[in-house]
Amino acid sequence: MNTEDTVEATLNTWQAQVEEVRRRRLERGSGKAGLARPQQVQGKTGLEVMTGILQGDLPPPYMAETLDVELVELGDGLAIFQATPQLKHYNPLGSVHGGWYATLLDFALGCAVQTKLPAGRGYTTSQINLNIVRAANNKTGPLRCIGSALHVGRQIGTSEARIVGPDGKLYAHATTTCAIFDVPTPAA
């Protein structure tokens, strides 16, 4: 198989994954973005919460709808998202806004940490360092953002992520530090 065929096969696989995620979400009733009710996530590990979103049992966050980002794969310390840059993501200079890259990377960075958290623990991004190494535009097509947890302790979590095309080309990469804390128990 030549490079063009490999890229086409990858694109087909990616599209099938996104379609399956959307189908499952519609079938299970969380077709729209939203906030999970505290009772839906109480007592669940971070991986269980993220799996609930991927399986369509919990709604994806509103920001995912804003950026047209889909969670497509999960694992212990792993979170993979897919997004396609669009004209609505452009800055005034006519290129994809740096905030688009930063937000997509933050999805994968934070969620990779979240997959390692026990029940009753939460996180927030406290620092993100990113590098954009290749321009994307509305003709680029889908890109994948792959986040991997590096360290998740009691108070601090760190992870790294990269945005790649179906040809394997790197578009951006980042690292983050997350503050980890106890999640307050909801009032009855």
N, C-alpha and C. Protein backbone atom coordinates (compact mmCIF):
# COMPACT_ATOMS: atom_id res chain seq x y z
N MET A 1 0.84 -1.17 0.00
CA MET A 1 0.00 0.00 0.00
C MET A 1 0.90 1.24 0.00
N ASN A 2 0.60 2.21 -0.89
CA ASN A 2 1.39 3.42 -0.90
C ASN A 2 0.90 4.41 0.15
N THR A 3 1.62 5.51 0.32
CA THR A 3 1.32 6.49 1.36
C THR A 3 -0.10 7.06 1.22
N GLU A 4 -0.49 7.35 -0.01
CA GLU A 4 -1.83 7.91 -0.24
C GLU A 4 -2.92 6.92 0.18
N ASP A 5 -2.72 5.65 -0.13
CA ASP A 5 -3.68 4.62 0.28
C ASP A 5 -3.72 4.48 1.80
N THR A 6 -2.56 4.57 2.44
CA THR A 6 -2.49 4.47 3.90
C THR A 6 -3.24 5.62 4.56
N VAL A 7 -3.03 6.83 4.05
CA VAL A 7 -3.73 8.01 4.58
C VAL A 7 -5.23 7.85 4.39
N GLU A 8 -5.65 7.40 3.23
CA GLU A 8 -7.07 7.20 2.95
C GLU A 8 -7.67 6.16 3.89
N ALA A 9 -6.95 5.07 4.12
CA ALA A 9 -7.42 4.03 5.04
C ALA A 9 -7.54 4.58 6.46
N THR A 10 -6.57 5.38 6.88
CA THR A 10 -6.62 6.00 8.21
C THR A 10 -7.81 6.93 8.32
N LEU A 11 -8.03 7.76 7.30
CA LEU A 11 -9.18 8.67 7.31
C LEU A 11 -10.50 7.89 7.41
N ASN A 12 -10.61 6.80 6.68
CA ASN A 12 -11.82 5.98 6.73
C ASN A 12 -12.03 5.40 8.13
N THR A 13 -10.96 4.93 8.75
CA THR A 13 -11.04 4.39 10.10
C THR A 13 -11.47 5.48 11.08
N TRP A 14 -10.86 6.65 10.97
CA TRP A 14 -11.20 7.77 11.85
C TRP A 14 -12.66 8.17 11.70
N GLN A 15 -13.12 8.26 10.46
CA GLN A 15 -14.51 8.66 10.22
C GLN A 15 -15.48 7.62 10.78
N ALA A 16 -15.16 6.35 10.61
CA ALA A 16 -16.02 5.29 11.15
C ALA A 16 -16.07 5.36 12.66
N GLN A 17 -14.95 5.66 13.32
CA GLN A 17 -14.94 5.79 14.78
C GLN A 17 -15.83 6.94 15.24
N VAL A 18 -15.70 8.09 14.60
CA VAL A 18 -16.51 9.25 14.97
C VAL A 18 -18.00 8.95 14.76
N GLU A 19 -18.34 8.33 13.65
CA GLU A 19 -19.75 7.99 13.38
C GLU A 19 -20.28 7.02 14.43
N GLU A 20 -19.47 6.06 14.85
CA GLU A 20 -19.89 5.10 15.88
C GLU A 20 -20.11 5.81 17.22
N VAL A 21 -19.22 6.72 17.59
CA VAL A 21 -19.38 7.48 18.84
C VAL A 21 -20.68 8.28 18.80
N ARG A 22 -20.94 8.96 17.71
CA ARG A 22 -22.16 9.78 17.59
C ARG A 22 -23.41 8.90 17.60
N ARG A 23 -23.36 7.77 16.92
CA ARG A 23 -24.51 6.85 16.88
C ARG A 23 -24.82 6.35 18.29
N ARG A 24 -23.79 5.92 18.99
CA ARG A 24 -23.97 5.39 20.35
C ARG A 24 -24.56 6.46 21.27
N ARG A 25 -24.06 7.68 21.14
CA ARG A 25 -24.55 8.77 21.99
C ARG A 25 -26.04 9.04 21.72
N LEU A 26 -26.44 9.02 20.47
CA LEU A 26 -27.85 9.23 20.14
C LEU A 26 -28.72 8.09 20.65
N GLU A 27 -28.24 6.86 20.49
CA GLU A 27 -28.99 5.69 20.96
C GLU A 27 -29.19 5.68 22.47
N ARG A 28 -28.20 6.14 23.20
CA ARG A 28 -28.24 6.08 24.66
C ARG A 28 -28.78 7.35 25.30
N GLY A 29 -29.15 8.31 24.46
CA GLY A 29 -29.85 9.48 24.99
C GLY A 29 -29.01 10.67 25.37
N SER A 30 -27.70 10.62 25.17
CA SER A 30 -26.89 11.80 25.50
C SER A 30 -26.39 12.45 24.21
N GLY A 31 -27.27 12.57 23.24
CA GLY A 31 -26.90 13.12 21.94
C GLY A 31 -26.44 14.56 21.99
N LYS A 32 -26.85 15.31 23.00
CA LYS A 32 -26.47 16.71 23.10
C LYS A 32 -25.44 16.91 24.19
N ALA A 33 -24.68 17.97 24.02
CA ALA A 33 -23.71 18.35 25.05
C ALA A 33 -24.46 18.80 26.31
N GLY A 34 -23.79 18.70 27.43
CA GLY A 34 -24.42 19.11 28.69
C GLY A 34 -23.51 18.86 29.86
N LEU A 35 -24.09 18.87 31.02
CA LEU A 35 -23.38 18.59 32.26
C LEU A 35 -23.99 17.36 32.90
N ALA A 36 -23.13 16.46 33.31
CA ALA A 36 -23.63 15.29 34.04
C ALA A 36 -24.13 15.75 35.40
N ARG A 37 -25.19 15.15 35.86
CA ARG A 37 -25.68 15.45 37.21
C ARG A 37 -24.71 14.84 38.23
N PRO A 38 -24.54 15.50 39.37
CA PRO A 38 -23.60 14.96 40.37
C PRO A 38 -23.87 13.50 40.71
N GLN A 39 -25.13 13.08 40.75
CA GLN A 39 -25.47 11.70 41.07
C GLN A 39 -24.98 10.73 40.00
N GLN A 40 -24.83 11.22 38.77
CA GLN A 40 -24.38 10.36 37.67
C GLN A 40 -22.89 10.03 37.77
N VAL A 41 -22.11 10.90 38.42
CA VAL A 41 -20.67 10.70 38.47
C VAL A 41 -20.15 10.37 39.87
N GLN A 42 -21.00 10.56 40.87
CA GLN A 42 -20.57 10.29 42.25
C GLN A 42 -20.17 8.83 42.41
N GLY A 43 -19.02 8.61 43.03
CA GLY A 43 -18.53 7.25 43.28
C GLY A 43 -17.83 6.62 42.09
N LYS A 44 -17.70 7.35 40.98
CA LYS A 44 -17.04 6.80 39.78
C LYS A 44 -15.62 7.32 39.67
N THR A 45 -14.74 6.46 39.18
CA THR A 45 -13.37 6.88 38.91
C THR A 45 -13.38 7.81 37.69
N GLY A 46 -12.27 8.48 37.48
CA GLY A 46 -12.16 9.34 36.30
C GLY A 46 -12.31 8.56 35.01
N LEU A 47 -11.74 7.36 34.97
CA LEU A 47 -11.87 6.52 33.77
C LEU A 47 -13.32 6.11 33.56
N GLU A 48 -14.04 5.81 34.63
CA GLU A 48 -15.46 5.44 34.50
C GLU A 48 -16.29 6.62 33.98
N VAL A 49 -15.99 7.82 34.44
CA VAL A 49 -16.71 9.00 33.95
C VAL A 49 -16.41 9.20 32.47
N MET A 50 -15.14 9.15 32.11
CA MET A 50 -14.77 9.35 30.71
C MET A 50 -15.36 8.25 29.82
N THR A 51 -15.39 7.02 30.31
CA THR A 51 -15.99 5.92 29.55
C THR A 51 -17.49 6.17 29.37
N GLY A 52 -18.14 6.72 30.40
CA GLY A 52 -19.55 7.08 30.28
C GLY A 52 -19.80 8.08 29.17
N ILE A 53 -18.90 9.04 29.02
CA ILE A 53 -19.02 10.01 27.92
C ILE A 53 -18.80 9.31 26.59
N LEU A 54 -17.75 8.51 26.49
CA LEU A 54 -17.45 7.82 25.23
C LEU A 54 -18.57 6.87 24.83
N GLN A 55 -19.17 6.17 25.80
CA GLN A 55 -20.22 5.20 25.51
C GLN A 55 -21.59 5.84 25.28
N GLY A 56 -21.70 7.14 25.58
CA GLY A 56 -22.98 7.82 25.37
C GLY A 56 -23.89 7.80 26.58
N ASP A 57 -23.40 7.34 27.72
CA ASP A 57 -24.21 7.32 28.93
C ASP A 57 -24.19 8.66 29.66
N LEU A 58 -23.17 9.45 29.42
CA LEU A 58 -23.04 10.80 29.99
C LEU A 58 -22.84 11.77 28.83
N PRO A 59 -23.32 13.01 28.98
CA PRO A 59 -23.17 13.98 27.88
C PRO A 59 -21.74 14.48 27.77
N PRO A 60 -21.30 14.78 26.56
CA PRO A 60 -20.00 15.44 26.42
C PRO A 60 -20.14 16.89 26.89
N PRO A 61 -19.03 17.53 27.26
CA PRO A 61 -19.12 18.91 27.74
C PRO A 61 -19.51 19.87 26.61
N TYR A 62 -20.08 21.01 27.01
CA TYR A 62 -20.48 22.01 26.02
C TYR A 62 -19.32 22.45 25.13
N MET A 63 -18.12 22.54 25.68
CA MET A 63 -16.97 22.99 24.90
C MET A 63 -16.70 22.04 23.73
N ALA A 64 -17.00 20.76 23.89
CA ALA A 64 -16.82 19.82 22.80
C ALA A 64 -17.73 20.17 21.63
N GLU A 65 -18.94 20.60 21.94
CA GLU A 65 -19.88 21.03 20.90
C GLU A 65 -19.39 22.31 20.24
N THR A 66 -18.88 23.24 21.04
CA THR A 66 -18.40 24.52 20.52
C THR A 66 -17.30 24.31 19.49
N LEU A 67 -16.37 23.39 19.77
CA LEU A 67 -15.25 23.16 18.87
C LEU A 67 -15.44 21.97 17.94
N ASP A 68 -16.60 21.31 18.02
CA ASP A 68 -16.84 20.10 17.21
C ASP A 68 -15.76 19.06 17.46
N VAL A 69 -15.49 18.80 18.73
CA VAL A 69 -14.48 17.83 19.16
C VAL A 69 -15.19 16.57 19.62
N GLU A 70 -14.67 15.42 19.23
CA GLU A 70 -15.23 14.14 19.64
C GLU A 70 -14.18 13.32 20.39
N LEU A 71 -14.55 12.80 21.53
CA LEU A 71 -13.74 11.81 22.22
C LEU A 71 -13.91 10.50 21.45
N VAL A 72 -12.78 9.90 21.02
CA VAL A 72 -12.89 8.70 20.18
C VAL A 72 -12.24 7.46 20.79
N GLU A 73 -11.29 7.64 21.70
CA GLU A 73 -10.63 6.49 22.34
C GLU A 73 -10.20 6.85 23.75
N LEU A 74 -10.17 5.83 24.60
CA LEU A 74 -9.76 5.99 26.00
C LEU A 74 -8.96 4.80 26.46
N GLY A 75 -8.18 5.03 27.48
CA GLY A 75 -7.48 3.96 28.16
C GLY A 75 -6.98 4.49 29.49
N ASP A 76 -6.28 3.67 30.21
CA ASP A 76 -5.69 4.07 31.48
C ASP A 76 -4.55 5.05 31.18
N GLY A 77 -4.77 6.34 31.44
CA GLY A 77 -3.77 7.35 31.15
C GLY A 77 -3.76 7.81 29.70
N LEU A 78 -4.81 7.50 28.95
CA LEU A 78 -4.87 7.83 27.53
C LEU A 78 -6.22 8.44 27.18
N ALA A 79 -6.20 9.53 26.42
CA ALA A 79 -7.43 10.14 25.90
C ALA A 79 -7.14 10.65 24.50
N ILE A 80 -7.98 10.24 23.53
CA ILE A 80 -7.79 10.64 22.14
C ILE A 80 -9.05 11.33 21.65
N PHE A 81 -8.86 12.51 21.09
CA PHE A 81 -9.96 13.31 20.55
C PHE A 81 -9.72 13.55 19.07
N GLN A 82 -10.81 13.81 18.35
CA GLN A 82 -10.72 14.15 16.94
C GLN A 82 -11.47 15.44 16.68
N ALA A 83 -10.89 16.30 15.86
CA ALA A 83 -11.52 17.56 15.49
C ALA A 83 -11.05 17.96 14.10
N THR A 84 -11.86 18.75 13.43
CA THR A 84 -11.51 19.27 12.11
C THR A 84 -11.55 20.79 12.18
N PRO A 85 -10.44 21.47 11.89
CA PRO A 85 -10.46 22.93 11.91
C PRO A 85 -11.43 23.46 10.86
N GLN A 86 -12.17 24.49 11.23
CA GLN A 86 -13.18 25.07 10.35
C GLN A 86 -12.99 26.58 10.27
N LEU A 87 -13.64 27.21 9.34
CA LEU A 87 -13.54 28.67 9.20
C LEU A 87 -13.91 29.38 10.49
N LYS A 88 -14.86 28.85 11.25
CA LYS A 88 -15.26 29.50 12.50
C LYS A 88 -14.16 29.45 13.55
N HIS A 89 -13.09 28.71 13.30
CA HIS A 89 -11.96 28.63 14.22
C HIS A 89 -10.81 29.54 13.80
N TYR A 90 -11.01 30.33 12.76
CA TYR A 90 -9.95 31.21 12.25
C TYR A 90 -9.81 32.47 13.10
N ASN A 91 -8.60 33.00 13.09
CA ASN A 91 -8.34 34.30 13.71
C ASN A 91 -8.49 35.39 12.65
N PRO A 92 -8.34 36.66 13.00
CA PRO A 92 -8.51 37.74 12.01
C PRO A 92 -7.49 37.71 10.87
N LEU A 93 -6.39 36.99 11.05
CA LEU A 93 -5.38 36.90 10.00
C LEU A 93 -5.69 35.83 8.96
N GLY A 94 -6.75 35.04 9.19
CA GLY A 94 -7.14 34.02 8.23
C GLY A 94 -6.49 32.67 8.42
N SER A 95 -6.05 32.38 9.63
CA SER A 95 -5.52 31.05 9.92
C SER A 95 -6.17 30.53 11.20
N VAL A 96 -6.01 29.24 11.45
CA VAL A 96 -6.62 28.65 12.64
C VAL A 96 -6.03 29.32 13.89
N HIS A 97 -6.91 29.76 14.75
CA HIS A 97 -6.54 30.46 15.98
C HIS A 97 -5.73 29.56 16.90
N GLY A 98 -4.72 30.11 17.52
CA GLY A 98 -3.91 29.34 18.46
C GLY A 98 -4.73 28.77 19.60
N GLY A 99 -5.82 29.45 19.95
CA GLY A 99 -6.70 28.95 21.01
C GLY A 99 -7.37 27.65 20.63
N TRP A 100 -7.58 27.41 19.33
CA TRP A 100 -8.16 26.14 18.89
C TRP A 100 -7.20 25.00 19.22
N TYR A 101 -5.93 25.18 18.86
CA TYR A 101 -4.93 24.16 19.19
C TYR A 101 -4.85 23.97 20.70
N ALA A 102 -4.79 25.09 21.44
CA ALA A 102 -4.64 25.02 22.90
C ALA A 102 -5.81 24.29 23.54
N THR A 103 -7.01 24.58 23.07
CA THR A 103 -8.19 23.95 23.67
C THR A 103 -8.24 22.46 23.33
N LEU A 104 -7.96 22.12 22.09
CA LEU A 104 -7.95 20.70 21.71
C LEU A 104 -6.89 19.95 22.52
N LEU A 105 -5.71 20.53 22.65
CA LEU A 105 -4.66 19.91 23.45
C LEU A 105 -5.09 19.79 24.91
N ASP A 106 -5.74 20.83 25.45
CA ASP A 106 -6.18 20.81 26.84
C ASP A 106 -7.21 19.70 27.08
N PHE A 107 -8.08 19.45 26.11
CA PHE A 107 -9.01 18.32 26.22
C PHE A 107 -8.24 17.04 26.50
N ALA A 108 -7.28 16.72 25.63
CA ALA A 108 -6.56 15.46 25.73
C ALA A 108 -5.63 15.42 26.94
N LEU A 109 -4.98 16.53 27.22
CA LEU A 109 -4.07 16.59 28.37
C LEU A 109 -4.81 16.34 29.68
N GLY A 110 -5.89 17.08 29.89
CA GLY A 110 -6.64 16.95 31.13
C GLY A 110 -7.34 15.62 31.27
N CYS A 111 -7.94 15.16 30.18
CA CYS A 111 -8.68 13.90 30.25
C CYS A 111 -7.76 12.70 30.43
N ALA A 112 -6.53 12.79 29.93
CA ALA A 112 -5.55 11.72 30.18
C ALA A 112 -5.28 11.62 31.67
N VAL A 113 -5.14 12.77 32.33
CA VAL A 113 -4.96 12.78 33.78
C VAL A 113 -6.22 12.25 34.46
N GLN A 114 -7.39 12.70 34.00
CA GLN A 114 -8.65 12.28 34.62
C GLN A 114 -8.81 10.76 34.62
N THR A 115 -8.35 10.10 33.57
CA THR A 115 -8.51 8.64 33.50
C THR A 115 -7.75 7.91 34.60
N LYS A 116 -6.83 8.59 35.25
CA LYS A 116 -6.03 7.98 36.31
C LYS A 116 -6.55 8.31 37.72
N LEU A 117 -7.60 9.14 37.81
CA LEU A 117 -8.06 9.59 39.13
C LEU A 117 -9.03 8.61 39.77
N PRO A 118 -8.90 8.41 41.08
CA PRO A 118 -9.87 7.58 41.80
C PRO A 118 -11.18 8.35 41.98
N ALA A 119 -12.20 7.65 42.39
CA ALA A 119 -13.50 8.29 42.69
C ALA A 119 -13.28 9.37 43.74
N GLY A 120 -14.03 10.45 43.60
CA GLY A 120 -13.96 11.53 44.57
C GLY A 120 -12.84 12.53 44.36
N ARG A 121 -12.09 12.37 43.29
CA ARG A 121 -10.99 13.30 43.00
C ARG A 121 -11.26 14.00 41.67
N GLY A 122 -10.88 15.26 41.59
CA GLY A 122 -11.03 16.05 40.39
C GLY A 122 -9.72 16.74 40.05
N TYR A 123 -9.71 17.50 38.98
CA TYR A 123 -8.49 18.20 38.56
C TYR A 123 -8.87 19.50 37.86
N THR A 124 -7.91 20.36 37.74
CA THR A 124 -8.03 21.53 36.87
C THR A 124 -6.66 21.83 36.30
N THR A 125 -6.65 22.33 35.09
CA THR A 125 -5.38 22.69 34.46
C THR A 125 -4.79 23.88 35.20
N SER A 126 -3.54 23.77 35.61
CA SER A 126 -2.89 24.91 36.25
C SER A 126 -1.80 25.51 35.36
N GLN A 127 -1.32 24.74 34.40
CA GLN A 127 -0.32 25.26 33.46
C GLN A 127 -0.38 24.43 32.20
N ILE A 128 -0.22 25.10 31.06
CA ILE A 128 -0.12 24.40 29.79
C ILE A 128 0.98 25.07 28.96
N ASN A 129 1.82 24.25 28.38
CA ASN A 129 2.88 24.74 27.50
C ASN A 129 2.67 24.08 26.15
N LEU A 130 2.54 24.89 25.09
CA LEU A 130 2.28 24.28 23.79
C LEU A 130 3.15 24.88 22.71
N ASN A 131 3.32 24.08 21.69
CA ASN A 131 4.06 24.48 20.50
C ASN A 131 3.24 24.10 19.28
N ILE A 132 2.97 25.08 18.43
CA ILE A 132 2.31 24.84 17.15
C ILE A 132 3.42 24.76 16.12
N VAL A 133 3.53 23.63 15.43
CA VAL A 133 4.65 23.43 14.51
C VAL A 133 4.22 23.35 13.04
N ARG A 134 2.93 23.26 12.80
CA ARG A 134 2.42 23.21 11.42
C ARG A 134 1.05 23.86 11.40
N ALA A 135 0.80 24.66 10.38
CA ALA A 135 -0.50 25.33 10.25
C ALA A 135 -1.56 24.34 9.78
N ALA A 136 -2.72 24.45 10.38
CA ALA A 136 -3.90 23.70 9.93
C ALA A 136 -4.89 24.72 9.36
N ASN A 137 -5.77 24.25 8.48
CA ASN A 137 -6.81 25.13 7.94
C ASN A 137 -8.07 24.31 7.68
N ASN A 138 -9.09 24.95 7.14
CA ASN A 138 -10.36 24.26 6.95
C ASN A 138 -10.30 23.18 5.87
N LYS A 139 -9.20 23.07 5.15
CA LYS A 139 -9.03 22.00 4.16
C LYS A 139 -8.14 20.86 4.67
N THR A 140 -7.61 21.03 5.88
CA THR A 140 -6.71 20.02 6.45
C THR A 140 -7.41 18.69 6.65
N GLY A 141 -8.68 18.75 7.03
CA GLY A 141 -9.40 17.53 7.36
C GLY A 141 -9.24 17.20 8.83
N PRO A 142 -9.72 16.03 9.24
CA PRO A 142 -9.68 15.69 10.66
C PRO A 142 -8.25 15.52 11.19
N LEU A 143 -8.10 15.94 12.44
CA LEU A 143 -6.84 15.78 13.15
C LEU A 143 -7.13 15.04 14.44
N ARG A 144 -6.16 14.29 14.92
CA ARG A 144 -6.29 13.57 16.19
C ARG A 144 -5.39 14.22 17.23
N CYS A 145 -5.91 14.32 18.43
CA CYS A 145 -5.14 14.82 19.56
C CYS A 145 -5.02 13.68 20.57
N ILE A 146 -3.80 13.26 20.81
CA ILE A 146 -3.52 12.08 21.64
C ILE A 146 -2.85 12.54 22.92
N GLY A 147 -3.53 12.33 24.04
CA GLY A 147 -3.01 12.72 25.34
C GLY A 147 -2.60 11.52 26.16
N SER A 148 -1.45 11.62 26.82
CA SER A 148 -0.94 10.53 27.67
C SER A 148 -0.51 11.09 29.02
N ALA A 149 -1.02 10.49 30.08
CA ALA A 149 -0.62 10.89 31.43
C ALA A 149 0.82 10.46 31.67
N LEU A 150 1.58 11.34 32.30
CA LEU A 150 2.97 11.03 32.64
C LEU A 150 3.11 10.70 34.12
N HIS A 151 2.42 11.48 34.96
CA HIS A 151 2.46 11.29 36.41
C HIS A 151 1.14 11.77 36.99
N VAL A 152 0.53 10.97 37.82
CA VAL A 152 -0.68 11.41 38.52
C VAL A 152 -0.51 11.00 39.98
N GLY A 153 -0.31 12.01 40.81
CA GLY A 153 -0.14 11.80 42.24
C GLY A 153 -1.33 12.33 43.02
N ARG A 154 -1.12 12.57 44.28
CA ARG A 154 -2.21 13.04 45.14
C ARG A 154 -2.60 14.50 44.86
N GLN A 155 -1.62 15.34 44.52
CA GLN A 155 -1.89 16.77 44.33
C GLN A 155 -1.59 17.27 42.92
N ILE A 156 -0.74 16.59 42.19
CA ILE A 156 -0.29 17.06 40.88
C ILE A 156 -0.39 15.93 39.87
N GLY A 157 -0.84 16.29 38.67
CA GLY A 157 -0.81 15.38 37.53
C GLY A 157 -0.15 16.07 36.37
N THR A 158 0.62 15.33 35.59
CA THR A 158 1.23 15.89 34.38
C THR A 158 0.93 14.96 33.21
N SER A 159 0.85 15.57 32.03
CA SER A 159 0.59 14.78 30.83
C SER A 159 1.18 15.50 29.62
N GLU A 160 1.21 14.78 28.52
CA GLU A 160 1.67 15.34 27.26
C GLU A 160 0.65 14.95 26.18
N ALA A 161 0.59 15.78 25.13
CA ALA A 161 -0.33 15.49 24.03
C ALA A 161 0.26 16.01 22.73
N ARG A 162 -0.24 15.45 21.65
CA ARG A 162 0.18 15.91 20.33
C ARG A 162 -1.01 15.85 19.38
N ILE A 163 -1.03 16.78 18.46
CA ILE A 163 -2.05 16.81 17.40
C ILE A 163 -1.38 16.33 16.12
N VAL A 164 -1.96 15.30 15.52
CA VAL A 164 -1.38 14.71 14.31
C VAL A 164 -2.45 14.55 13.23
N GLY A 165 -1.98 14.52 11.99
CA GLY A 165 -2.86 14.25 10.86
C GLY A 165 -2.87 12.78 10.55
N PRO A 166 -3.74 12.35 9.63
CA PRO A 166 -3.81 10.93 9.27
C PRO A 166 -2.54 10.42 8.61
N ASP A 167 -1.71 11.34 8.15
CA ASP A 167 -0.42 10.96 7.55
C ASP A 167 0.68 10.90 8.60
N GLY A 168 0.33 11.15 9.87
CA GLY A 168 1.29 11.11 10.95
C GLY A 168 2.02 12.42 11.19
N LYS A 169 1.79 13.43 10.35
CA LYS A 169 2.47 14.71 10.52
C LYS A 169 2.02 15.39 11.81
N LEU A 170 2.98 15.97 12.50
CA LEU A 170 2.72 16.67 13.75
C LEU A 170 2.29 18.10 13.47
N TYR A 171 1.21 18.54 14.11
CA TYR A 171 0.72 19.91 14.00
C TYR A 171 1.02 20.72 15.25
N ALA A 172 0.93 20.10 16.41
CA ALA A 172 1.19 20.80 17.66
C ALA A 172 1.44 19.77 18.75
N HIS A 173 2.13 20.20 19.81
CA HIS A 173 2.34 19.33 20.97
C HIS A 173 2.36 20.19 22.22
N ALA A 174 2.07 19.55 23.35
CA ALA A 174 1.97 20.31 24.60
C ALA A 174 2.21 19.42 25.80
N THR A 175 2.48 20.08 26.92
CA THR A 175 2.52 19.42 28.22
C THR A 175 1.66 20.25 29.17
N THR A 176 1.22 19.61 30.24
CA THR A 176 0.42 20.32 31.22
C THR A 176 0.75 19.87 32.63
N THR A 177 0.42 20.73 33.57
CA THR A 177 0.40 20.39 34.98
C THR A 177 -1.02 20.64 35.46
N CYS A 178 -1.58 19.66 36.12
CA CYS A 178 -2.94 19.77 36.66
C CYS A 178 -2.89 19.71 38.18
N ALA A 179 -3.70 20.55 38.80
CA ALA A 179 -3.88 20.48 40.25
C ALA A 179 -4.97 19.45 40.52
N ILE A 180 -4.74 18.55 41.46
CA ILE A 180 -5.70 17.50 41.79
C ILE A 180 -6.26 17.78 43.18
N PHE A 181 -7.56 17.59 43.34
CA PHE A 181 -8.24 17.96 44.59
C PHE A 181 -9.39 17.01 44.86
N ASP A 182 -9.91 17.07 46.10
CA ASP A 182 -11.11 16.33 46.46
C ASP A 182 -12.32 17.03 45.88
N VAL A 183 -13.23 16.26 45.31
CA VAL A 183 -14.48 16.81 44.79
C VAL A 183 -15.48 16.83 45.94
N PRO A 184 -16.10 17.99 46.18
CA PRO A 184 -17.10 18.03 47.26
C PRO A 184 -18.25 17.07 46.98
N THR A 185 -18.74 16.42 48.03
CA THR A 185 -19.88 15.53 47.90
C THR A 185 -21.13 16.38 47.74
N PRO A 186 -21.98 16.08 46.73
CA PRO A 186 -23.18 16.88 46.53
C PRO A 186 -24.14 16.74 47.72
N ALA A 187 -24.84 17.83 47.99
CA ALA A 187 -25.84 17.80 49.07
C ALA A 187 -27.00 16.92 48.64
N ALA A 188 -27.56 16.21 49.59
CA ALA A 188 -28.67 15.30 49.29
C ALA A 188 -29.94 16.02 48.96
